[in-house]
Amino acid sequence: MKNLKFKAIGTNRITKTLEDEVFESPHFAFSAKNLCFVDLKNNGKDYTFELKLIRFLNESVILDGFISMPDAKIGRISLKYLS
């Protein structure tokens, strides 16, 4: 899947600045058997998202995991699949 968009809907203290931000993924694929790391982009910055859980809720898909930020901080985040 290419050029997918995700919105940050849940953050913690470390990732609070990312709340409501929309991220794009130039490519997205995951496997139930392997760890999944996803490259994300937002406002010209690169992030790495480690997918830990996928939830299907009332016509929404929520991805929960950890995000590595450009300033070397790592925190929890929940992303809502937009398209």
PDB file of N, CA and C in Angstrom:
ATOM      1  N   MET A   1       0.855  -1.166   0.000  1.00  0.00           N
ATOM      2  CA  MET A   1       0.000   0.000   0.000  1.00  0.00           C
ATOM      3  C   MET A   1       0.901   1.228   0.000  1.00  0.00           C
ATOM      4  N   LYS A   2       0.546   2.222  -0.774  1.00  0.00           N
ATOM      5  CA  LYS A   2       1.412   3.392  -0.906  1.00  0.00           C
ATOM      6  C   LYS A   2       0.694   4.673  -0.506  1.00  0.00           C
ATOM      7  N   ASN A   3       1.494   5.612  -0.020  1.00  0.00           N
ATOM      8  CA  ASN A   3       1.037   6.966   0.312  1.00  0.00           C
ATOM      9  C   ASN A   3      -0.192   6.990   1.215  1.00  0.00           C
ATOM     10  N   LEU A   4      -0.122   6.263   2.299  1.00  0.00           N
ATOM     11  CA  LEU A   4      -1.217   6.238   3.254  1.00  0.00           C
ATOM     12  C   LEU A   4      -1.086   7.387   4.246  1.00  0.00           C
ATOM     13  N   LYS A   5      -2.232   7.806   4.793  1.00  0.00           N
ATOM     14  CA  LYS A   5      -2.239   8.896   5.770  1.00  0.00           C
ATOM     15  C   LYS A   5      -2.786   8.391   7.096  1.00  0.00           C
ATOM     16  N   PHE A   6      -2.175   8.893   8.180  1.00  0.00           N
ATOM     17  CA  PHE A   6      -2.557   8.528   9.533  1.00  0.00           C
ATOM     18  C   PHE A   6      -2.587   9.788  10.392  1.00  0.00           C
ATOM     19  N   LYS A   7      -3.564   9.873  11.294  1.00  0.00           N
ATOM     20  CA  LYS A   7      -3.663  11.018  12.198  1.00  0.00           C
ATOM     21  C   LYS A   7      -3.345  10.568  13.620  1.00  0.00           C
ATOM     22  N   ALA A   8      -2.507  11.326  14.305  1.00  0.00           N
ATOM     23  CA  ALA A   8      -2.170  11.034  15.700  1.00  0.00           C
ATOM     24  C   ALA A   8      -3.365  11.374  16.577  1.00  0.00           C
ATOM     25  N   ILE A   9      -3.926  10.361  17.228  1.00  0.00           N
ATOM     26  CA  ILE A   9      -5.113  10.578  18.063  1.00  0.00           C
ATOM     27  C   ILE A   9      -4.849  10.284  19.531  1.00  0.00           C
ATOM     28  N   GLY A  10      -3.703   9.718  19.828  1.00  0.00           N
ATOM     29  CA  GLY A  10      -3.354   9.423  21.217  1.00  0.00           C
ATOM     30  C   GLY A  10      -1.851   9.538  21.393  1.00  0.00           C
ATOM     31  N   THR A  11      -1.440  10.281  22.394  1.00  0.00           N
ATOM     32  CA  THR A  11      -0.011  10.501  22.634  1.00  0.00           C
ATOM     33  C   THR A  11       0.266  10.407  24.127  1.00  0.00           C
ATOM     34  N   ASN A  12       1.532  10.430  24.469  1.00  0.00           N
ATOM     35  CA  ASN A  12       1.907  10.524  25.876  1.00  0.00           C
ATOM     36  C   ASN A  12       2.685  11.823  26.075  1.00  0.00           C
ATOM     37  N   ARG A  13       3.277  11.987  27.224  1.00  0.00           N
ATOM     38  CA  ARG A  13       3.978  13.239  27.547  1.00  0.00           C
ATOM     39  C   ARG A  13       5.073  13.549  26.528  1.00  0.00           C
ATOM     40  N   ILE A  14       5.799  12.536  26.099  1.00  0.00           N
ATOM     41  CA  ILE A  14       6.915  12.735  25.166  1.00  0.00           C
ATOM     42  C   ILE A  14       6.439  13.107  23.768  1.00  0.00           C
ATOM     43  N   THR A  15       5.323  12.537  23.340  1.00  0.00           N
ATOM     44  CA  THR A  15       4.850  12.743  21.959  1.00  0.00           C
ATOM     45  C   THR A  15       3.702  13.749  21.861  1.00  0.00           C
ATOM     46  N   LYS A  16       3.403  14.451  22.937  1.00  0.00           N
ATOM     47  CA  LYS A  16       2.255  15.376  22.978  1.00  0.00           C
ATOM     48  C   LYS A  16       2.277  16.394  21.835  1.00  0.00           C
ATOM     49  N   THR A  17       3.449  16.811  21.384  1.00  0.00           N
ATOM     50  CA  THR A  17       3.537  17.797  20.299  1.00  0.00           C
ATOM     51  C   THR A  17       3.036  17.235  18.965  1.00  0.00           C
ATOM     52  N   LEU A  18       2.875  15.922  18.891  1.00  0.00           N
ATOM     53  CA  LEU A  18       2.406  15.291  17.647  1.00  0.00           C
ATOM     54  C   LEU A  18       0.890  15.105  17.608  1.00  0.00           C
ATOM     55  N   GLU A  19       0.195  15.412  18.705  1.00  0.00           N
ATOM     56  CA  GLU A  19      -1.261  15.243  18.764  1.00  0.00           C
ATOM     57  C   GLU A  19      -1.935  15.960  17.598  1.00  0.00           C
ATOM     58  N   ASP A  20      -2.840  15.258  16.910  1.00  0.00           N
ATOM     59  CA  ASP A  20      -3.628  15.754  15.763  1.00  0.00           C
ATOM     60  C   ASP A  20      -2.814  15.970  14.487  1.00  0.00           C
ATOM     61  N   GLU A  21      -1.537  15.655  14.499  1.00  0.00           N
ATOM     62  CA  GLU A  21      -0.723  15.771  13.284  1.00  0.00           C
ATOM     63  C   GLU A  21      -1.070  14.635  12.322  1.00  0.00           C
ATOM     64  N   VAL A  22      -0.954  14.903  11.027  1.00  0.00           N
ATOM     65  CA  VAL A  22      -1.213  13.884  10.004  1.00  0.00           C
ATOM     66  C   VAL A  22       0.124  13.455   9.413  1.00  0.00           C
ATOM     67  N   PHE A  23       0.330  12.163   9.398  1.00  0.00           N
ATOM     68  CA  PHE A  23       1.558  11.572   8.879  1.00  0.00           C
ATOM     69  C   PHE A  23       1.261  10.855   7.578  1.00  0.00           C
ATOM     70  N   GLU A  24       2.246  10.813   6.706  1.00  0.00           N
ATOM     71  CA  GLU A  24       2.141  10.051   5.473  1.00  0.00           C
ATOM     72  C   GLU A  24       3.191   8.965   5.476  1.00  0.00           C
ATOM     73  N   SER A  25       2.821   7.836   4.907  1.00  0.00           N
ATOM     74  CA  SER A  25       3.771   6.741   4.763  1.00  0.00           C
ATOM     75  C   SER A  25       3.958   6.465   3.282  1.00  0.00           C
ATOM     76  N   PRO A  26       5.202   6.576   2.789  1.00  0.00           N
ATOM     77  CA  PRO A  26       5.450   6.326   1.377  1.00  0.00           C
ATOM     78  C   PRO A  26       5.172   4.871   1.006  1.00  0.00           C
ATOM     79  N   HIS A  27       5.265   3.992   1.981  1.00  0.00           N
ATOM     80  CA  HIS A  27       4.902   2.584   1.782  1.00  0.00           C
ATOM     81  C   HIS A  27       4.547   2.019   3.152  1.00  0.00           C
ATOM     82  N   PHE A  28       3.568   1.147   3.176  1.00  0.00           N
ATOM     83  CA  PHE A  28       3.120   0.574   4.441  1.00  0.00           C
ATOM     84  C   PHE A  28       2.815  -0.895   4.232  1.00  0.00           C
ATOM     85  N   ALA A  29       3.431  -1.736   5.037  1.00  0.00           N
ATOM     86  CA  ALA A  29       3.155  -3.168   5.004  1.00  0.00           C
ATOM     87  C   ALA A  29       3.457  -3.717   6.383  1.00  0.00           C
ATOM     88  N   PHE A  30       2.682  -4.690   6.804  1.00  0.00           N
ATOM     89  CA  PHE A  30       2.964  -5.306   8.090  1.00  0.00           C
ATOM     90  C   PHE A  30       2.711  -6.801   7.995  1.00  0.00           C
ATOM     91  N   SER A  31       3.318  -7.501   8.914  1.00  0.00           N
ATOM     92  CA  SER A  31       3.186  -8.946   8.964  1.00  0.00           C
ATOM     93  C   SER A  31       2.861  -9.342  10.392  1.00  0.00           C
ATOM     94  N   ALA A  32       1.973 -10.285  10.550  1.00  0.00           N
ATOM     95  CA  ALA A  32       1.603 -10.754  11.879  1.00  0.00           C
ATOM     96  C   ALA A  32       2.741 -11.511  12.550  1.00  0.00           C
ATOM     97  N   LYS A  33       3.699 -11.982  11.777  1.00  0.00           N
ATOM     98  CA  LYS A  33       4.784 -12.786  12.327  1.00  0.00           C
ATOM     99  C   LYS A  33       6.042 -11.983  12.644  1.00  0.00           C
ATOM    100  N   ASN A  34       6.177 -10.805  12.092  1.00  0.00           N
ATOM    101  CA  ASN A  34       7.408 -10.037  12.251  1.00  0.00           C
ATOM    102  C   ASN A  34       7.135  -8.687  12.897  1.00  0.00           C
ATOM    103  N   LEU A  35       8.162  -8.126  13.500  1.00  0.00           N
ATOM    104  CA  LEU A  35       8.053  -6.748  13.974  1.00  0.00           C
ATOM    105  C   LEU A  35       7.829  -5.849  12.778  1.00  0.00           C
ATOM    106  N   CYS A  36       7.084  -4.819  12.968  1.00  0.00           N
ATOM    107  CA  CYS A  36       6.776  -3.933  11.859  1.00  0.00           C
ATOM    108  C   CYS A  36       7.269  -2.523  12.173  1.00  0.00           C
ATOM    109  N   PHE A  37       8.161  -2.037  11.350  1.00  0.00           N
ATOM    110  CA  PHE A  37       8.631  -0.664  11.451  1.00  0.00           C
ATOM    111  C   PHE A  37       8.158   0.076  10.211  1.00  0.00           C
ATOM    112  N   VAL A  38       7.552   1.236  10.411  1.00  0.00           N
ATOM    113  CA  VAL A  38       6.968   2.000   9.315  1.00  0.00           C
ATOM    114  C   VAL A  38       7.637   3.365   9.252  1.00  0.00           C
ATOM    115  N   ASP A  39       8.066   3.765   8.071  1.00  0.00           N
ATOM    116  CA  ASP A  39       8.605   5.107   7.865  1.00  0.00           C
ATOM    117  C   ASP A  39       7.434   6.069   7.689  1.00  0.00           C
ATOM    118  N   LEU A  40       7.442   7.146   8.472  1.00  0.00           N
ATOM    119  CA  LEU A  40       6.401   8.168   8.395  1.00  0.00           C
ATOM    120  C   LEU A  40       7.040   9.523   8.122  1.00  0.00           C
ATOM    121  N   LYS A  41       6.286  10.398   7.471  1.00  0.00           N
ATOM    122  CA  LYS A  41       6.747  11.752   7.199  1.00  0.00           C
ATOM    123  C   LYS A  41       5.677  12.741   7.652  1.00  0.00           C
ATOM    124  N   ASN A  42       6.151  13.877   8.194  1.00  0.00           N
ATOM    125  CA  ASN A  42       5.254  14.948   8.612  1.00  0.00           C
ATOM    126  C   ASN A  42       6.030  16.257   8.556  1.00  0.00           C
ATOM    127  N   ASN A  43       5.530  17.217   7.786  1.00  0.00           N
ATOM    128  CA  ASN A  43       6.160  18.540   7.677  1.00  0.00           C
ATOM    129  C   ASN A  43       7.653  18.447   7.352  1.00  0.00           C
ATOM    130  N   GLY A  44       8.008  17.552   6.446  1.00  0.00           N
ATOM    131  CA  GLY A  44       9.394  17.417   6.016  1.00  0.00           C
ATOM    132  C   GLY A  44      10.301  16.672   6.983  1.00  0.00           C
ATOM    133  N   LYS A  45       9.744  16.163   8.077  1.00  0.00           N
ATOM    134  CA  LYS A  45      10.533  15.417   9.057  1.00  0.00           C
ATOM    135  C   LYS A  45      10.243  13.923   8.927  1.00  0.00           C
ATOM    136  N   ASP A  46      11.261  13.119   9.198  1.00  0.00           N
ATOM    137  CA  ASP A  46      11.141  11.671   9.116  1.00  0.00           C
ATOM    138  C   ASP A  46      10.981  11.074  10.506  1.00  0.00           C
ATOM    139  N   TYR A  47      10.078  10.116  10.613  1.00  0.00           N
ATOM    140  CA  TYR A  47       9.802   9.404  11.853  1.00  0.00           C
ATOM    141  C   TYR A  47       9.815   7.907  11.565  1.00  0.00           C
ATOM    142  N   THR A  48      10.070   7.119  12.600  1.00  0.00           N
ATOM    143  CA  THR A  48       9.944   5.668  12.492  1.00  0.00           C
ATOM    144  C   THR A  48       8.924   5.219  13.521  1.00  0.00           C
ATOM    145  N   PHE A  49       7.935   4.466  13.056  1.00  0.00           N
ATOM    146  CA  PHE A  49       6.859   3.977  13.905  1.00  0.00           C
ATOM    147  C   PHE A  49       6.993   2.466  14.049  1.00  0.00           C
ATOM    148  N   GLU A  50       7.012   1.991  15.291  1.00  0.00           N
ATOM    149  CA  GLU A  50       7.038   0.551  15.552  1.00  0.00           C
ATOM    150  C   GLU A  50       5.623   0.114  15.927  1.00  0.00           C
ATOM    151  N   LEU A  51       4.998  -0.621  15.046  1.00  0.00           N
ATOM    152  CA  LEU A  51       3.626  -1.068  15.236  1.00  0.00           C
ATOM    153  C   LEU A  51       3.570  -2.210  16.247  1.00  0.00           C
ATOM    154  N   LYS A  52       2.723  -2.050  17.271  1.00  0.00           N
ATOM    155  CA  LYS A  52       2.573  -3.073  18.304  1.00  0.00           C
ATOM    156  C   LYS A  52       1.186  -3.711  18.302  1.00  0.00           C
ATOM    157  N   LEU A  53       0.152  -2.942  17.916  1.00  0.00           N
ATOM    158  CA  LEU A  53      -1.214  -3.439  17.992  1.00  0.00           C
ATOM    159  C   LEU A  53      -2.072  -2.749  16.936  1.00  0.00           C
ATOM    160  N   ILE A  54      -2.955  -3.511  16.317  1.00  0.00           N
ATOM    161  CA  ILE A  54      -3.933  -2.962  15.376  1.00  0.00           C
ATOM    162  C   ILE A  54      -5.314  -3.218  15.952  1.00  0.00           C
ATOM    163  N   ARG A  55      -6.125  -2.156  16.033  1.00  0.00           N
ATOM    164  CA  ARG A  55      -7.496  -2.294  16.541  1.00  0.00           C
ATOM    165  C   ARG A  55      -8.481  -1.856  15.467  1.00  0.00           C
ATOM    166  N   PHE A  56      -9.531  -2.635  15.264  1.00  0.00           N
ATOM    167  CA  PHE A  56     -10.597  -2.306  14.332  1.00  0.00           C
ATOM    168  C   PHE A  56     -11.809  -1.902  15.157  1.00  0.00           C
ATOM    169  N   LEU A  57     -12.181  -0.617  15.094  1.00  0.00           N
ATOM    170  CA  LEU A  57     -13.257  -0.076  15.923  1.00  0.00           C
ATOM    171  C   LEU A  57     -14.240   0.735  15.095  1.00  0.00           C
ATOM    172  N   ASN A  58     -15.487   0.363  15.090  1.00  0.00           N
ATOM    173  CA  ASN A  58     -16.552   1.170  14.459  1.00  0.00           C
ATOM    174  C   ASN A  58     -16.103   1.920  13.210  1.00  0.00           C
ATOM    175  N   GLU A  59     -15.742   1.206  12.192  1.00  0.00           N
ATOM    176  CA  GLU A  59     -15.325   1.779  10.918  1.00  0.00           C
ATOM    177  C   GLU A  59     -13.999   2.530  10.991  1.00  0.00           C
ATOM    178  N   SER A  60     -13.227   2.324  12.036  1.00  0.00           N
ATOM    179  CA  SER A  60     -11.915   2.946  12.172  1.00  0.00           C
ATOM    180  C   SER A  60     -10.858   1.871  12.375  1.00  0.00           C
ATOM    181  N   VAL A  61      -9.665   2.180  11.923  1.00  0.00           N
ATOM    182  CA  VAL A  61      -8.518   1.315  12.169  1.00  0.00           C
ATOM    183  C   VAL A  61      -7.512   2.146  12.960  1.00  0.00           C
ATOM    184  N   ILE A  62      -7.133   1.649  14.133  1.00  0.00           N
ATOM    185  CA  ILE A  62      -6.215   2.353  15.018  1.00  0.00           C
ATOM    186  C   ILE A  62      -4.934   1.532  15.145  1.00  0.00           C
ATOM    187  N   LEU A  63      -3.803   2.192  14.956  1.00  0.00           N
ATOM    188  CA  LEU A  63      -2.502   1.558  15.102  1.00  0.00           C
ATOM    189  C   LEU A  63      -1.852   2.098  16.366  1.00  0.00           C
ATOM    190  N   ASP A  64      -1.451   1.217  17.257  1.00  0.00           N
ATOM    191  CA  ASP A  64      -0.789   1.612  18.501  1.00  0.00           C
ATOM    192  C   ASP A  64       0.666   1.161  18.461  1.00  0.00           C
ATOM    193  N   GLY A  65       1.549   2.000  18.979  1.00  0.00           N
ATOM    194  CA  GLY A  65       2.953   1.616  19.011  1.00  0.00           C
ATOM    195  C   GLY A  65       3.833   2.721  19.554  1.00  0.00           C
ATOM    196  N   PHE A  66       5.084   2.668  19.140  1.00  0.00           N
ATOM    197  CA  PHE A  66       6.089   3.636  19.568  1.00  0.00           C
ATOM    198  C   PHE A  66       6.581   4.406  18.352  1.00  0.00           C
ATOM    199  N   ILE A  67       6.885   5.683  18.553  1.00  0.00           N
ATOM    200  CA  ILE A  67       7.400   6.504  17.461  1.00  0.00           C
ATOM    201  C   ILE A  67       8.746   7.096  17.861  1.00  0.00           C
ATOM    202  N   SER A  68       9.677   7.039  16.936  1.00  0.00           N
ATOM    203  CA  SER A  68      10.995   7.639  17.117  1.00  0.00           C
ATOM    204  C   SER A  68      10.960   8.996  16.433  1.00  0.00           C
ATOM    205  N   MET A  69      11.235  10.034  17.209  1.00  0.00           N
ATOM    206  CA  MET A  69      11.139  11.399  16.706  1.00  0.00           C
ATOM    207  C   MET A  69      12.512  11.891  16.246  1.00  0.00           C
ATOM    208  N   PRO A  70      12.555  12.927  15.384  1.00  0.00           N
ATOM    209  CA  PRO A  70      13.833  13.428  14.868  1.00  0.00           C
ATOM    210  C   PRO A  70      14.817  13.873  15.950  1.00  0.00           C
ATOM    211  N   ASP A  71      14.329  14.286  17.116  1.00  0.00           N
ATOM    212  CA  ASP A  71      15.223  14.736  18.189  1.00  0.00           C
ATOM    213  C   ASP A  71      15.675  13.577  19.080  1.00  0.00           C
ATOM    214  N   ALA A  72      15.518  12.348  18.599  1.00  0.00           N
ATOM    215  CA  ALA A  72      15.975  11.113  19.256  1.00  0.00           C
ATOM    216  C   ALA A  72      15.112  10.690  20.437  1.00  0.00           C
ATOM    217  N   LYS A  73      13.972  11.320  20.634  1.00  0.00           N
ATOM    218  CA  LYS A  73      13.054  10.880  21.682  1.00  0.00           C
ATOM    219  C   LYS A  73      12.161   9.776  21.122  1.00  0.00           C
ATOM    220  N   ILE A  74      11.745   8.879  22.013  1.00  0.00           N
ATOM    221  CA  ILE A  74      10.838   7.800  21.626  1.00  0.00           C
ATOM    222  C   ILE A  74       9.672   7.797  22.598  1.00  0.00           C
ATOM    223  N   GLY A  75       8.451   7.707  22.056  1.00  0.00           N
ATOM    224  CA  GLY A  75       7.275   7.699  22.918  1.00  0.00           C
ATOM    225  C   GLY A  75       6.143   6.905  22.303  1.00  0.00           C
ATOM    226  N   ARG A  76       5.095   6.731  23.085  1.00  0.00           N
ATOM    227  CA  ARG A  76       3.918   5.991  22.618  1.00  0.00           C
ATOM    228  C   ARG A  76       3.033   6.908  21.780  1.00  0.00           C
ATOM    229  N   ILE A  77       2.323   6.280  20.834  1.00  0.00           N
ATOM    230  CA  ILE A  77       1.409   7.030  19.986  1.00  0.00           C
ATOM    231  C   ILE A  77       0.354   6.089  19.435  1.00  0.00           C
ATOM    232  N   SER A  78      -0.839   6.626  19.202  1.00  0.00           N
ATOM    233  CA  SER A  78      -1.901   5.909  18.512  1.00  0.00           C
ATOM    234  C   SER A  78      -2.226   6.686  17.249  1.00  0.00           C
ATOM    235  N   LEU A  79      -2.285   5.977  16.141  1.00  0.00           N
ATOM    236  CA  LEU A  79      -2.561   6.593  14.849  1.00  0.00           C
ATOM    237  C   LEU A  79      -3.858   6.053  14.283  1.00  0.00           C
ATOM    238  N   LYS A  80      -4.673   6.943  13.739  1.00  0.00           N
ATOM    239  CA  LYS A  80      -5.912   6.536  13.075  1.00  0.00           C
ATOM    240  C   LYS A  80      -5.666   6.528  11.571  1.00  0.00           C
ATOM    241  N   TYR A  81      -6.008   5.421  10.940  1.00  0.00           N
ATOM    242  CA  TYR A  81      -5.871   5.296   9.492  1.00  0.00           C
ATOM    243  C   TYR A  81      -6.880   6.217   8.816  1.00  0.00           C
ATOM    244  N   LEU A  82      -6.408   7.092   7.917  1.00  0.00           N
ATOM    245  CA  LEU A  82      -7.284   8.013   7.197  1.00  0.00           C
ATOM    246  C   LEU A  82      -7.528   7.550   5.759  1.00  0.00           C
ATOM    247  N   SER A  83      -6.482   7.166   5.062  1.00  0.00           N
ATOM    248  CA  SER A  83      -6.624   6.716   3.661  1.00  0.00           C
ATOM    249  C   SER A  83      -5.381   6.026   3.192  1.00  0.00           C
TER     250      SER A  83
END
